[in-house]
Amino acid sequence: MSLDHRLIDLLVCPLCKGPLQLLRDEQSRPLELVCPADRLGFPIRDGIPVMLEPEARVLEAFPAPPPSPLPFPPTP
């Protein structure tokens, strides 16, 4: 079963409301939705994303997002 790309575009992280990235397995099947900011992976079971914090796994090896730029230059 596959996920509709329109659904993926609408979903956000239930914790931080940030964007999610779709991870696929070797056969290009949807595996989980990842929140880079929280370093959590939300599983996809039978084509349905499980967007519950207790069901998410912590991603140790996922790269941290780059720091957001400051709204003004730092003072020396």
Protein backbone atom coordinates (compact mmCIF):
# COMPACT_ATOMS: atom_id res chain seq x y z
CA MET A 1 0.00 0.00 0.00
CA SER A 2 1.38 3.42 -0.82
CA LEU A 3 0.92 6.87 0.64
CA ASP A 4 -0.61 9.66 -1.35
CA HIS A 5 2.04 12.38 -1.81
CA ARG A 6 -0.64 15.00 -1.09
CA LEU A 7 -1.17 13.48 2.34
CA ILE A 8 2.56 13.56 3.06
CA ASP A 9 2.68 17.25 2.10
CA LEU A 10 -0.08 18.02 4.63
CA LEU A 11 1.31 16.08 7.58
CA VAL A 12 3.54 17.79 10.14
CA CYS A 13 5.28 16.61 13.28
CA PRO A 14 2.71 16.31 16.09
CA LEU A 15 5.24 17.71 18.57
CA CYS A 16 6.90 20.70 16.89
CA LYS A 17 4.58 21.13 13.86
CA GLY A 18 7.66 21.04 11.63
CA PRO A 19 7.95 19.38 8.20
CA LEU A 20 8.43 15.64 7.84
CA GLN A 21 10.62 13.65 5.47
CA LEU A 22 9.56 10.32 4.01
CA LEU A 23 12.06 7.48 4.40
CA ARG A 24 11.75 4.44 2.13
CA ASP A 25 13.17 0.93 2.34
CA GLU A 26 15.28 -0.87 -0.28
CA GLN A 27 12.18 -1.66 -2.40
CA SER A 28 11.12 2.01 -2.32
CA ARG A 29 8.22 1.31 0.03
CA PRO A 30 7.34 3.99 2.62
CA LEU A 31 9.00 3.09 5.91
CA GLU A 32 8.50 6.06 8.23
CA LEU A 33 8.03 9.81 8.43
CA VAL A 34 10.98 11.56 10.05
CA CYS A 35 11.06 14.86 11.92
CA PRO A 36 14.65 16.14 11.61
CA ALA A 37 14.12 18.79 14.31
CA ASP A 38 12.96 16.31 16.98
CA ARG A 39 14.98 13.39 15.56
CA LEU A 40 11.92 11.13 15.68
CA GLY A 41 10.69 8.56 13.18
CA PHE A 42 6.95 7.92 12.99
CA PRO A 43 6.14 4.45 11.61
CA ILE A 44 3.92 3.75 8.63
CA ARG A 45 1.80 0.64 9.15
CA ASP A 46 -0.33 -0.77 6.35
CA GLY A 47 0.04 2.52 4.49
CA ILE A 48 -1.16 4.58 7.47
CA PRO A 49 1.21 6.97 9.29
CA VAL A 50 1.12 6.46 13.05
CA MET A 51 1.61 10.00 14.32
CA LEU A 52 1.68 9.23 18.05
CA GLU A 53 4.65 10.23 20.19
CA PRO A 54 4.75 6.92 22.12
CA GLU A 55 4.96 5.04 18.79
CA ALA A 56 7.85 7.15 17.43
CA ARG A 57 11.42 5.94 17.60
CA VAL A 58 14.37 8.14 18.47
CA LEU A 59 16.79 8.59 15.58
CA GLU A 60 20.34 8.73 16.87
CA ALA A 61 22.10 8.80 13.50
CA PHE A 62 19.83 11.30 11.76
CA PRO A 63 21.69 14.58 11.11
CA ALA A 64 20.66 17.56 13.16
CA PRO A 65 19.03 20.41 11.27
CA PRO A 66 21.22 23.44 10.68
CA PRO A 67 20.83 26.22 13.24
CA SER A 68 18.43 28.94 12.24
CA PRO A 69 20.09 32.22 11.31
CA LEU A 70 20.00 35.03 13.79
CA PRO A 71 17.62 37.88 12.96
CA PHE A 72 20.49 40.31 13.48
CA PRO A 73 24.29 40.04 13.52
CA PRO A 74 25.84 39.00 16.83
CA THR A 75 27.63 41.68 18.80
CA PRO A 76 31.40 41.27 19.25
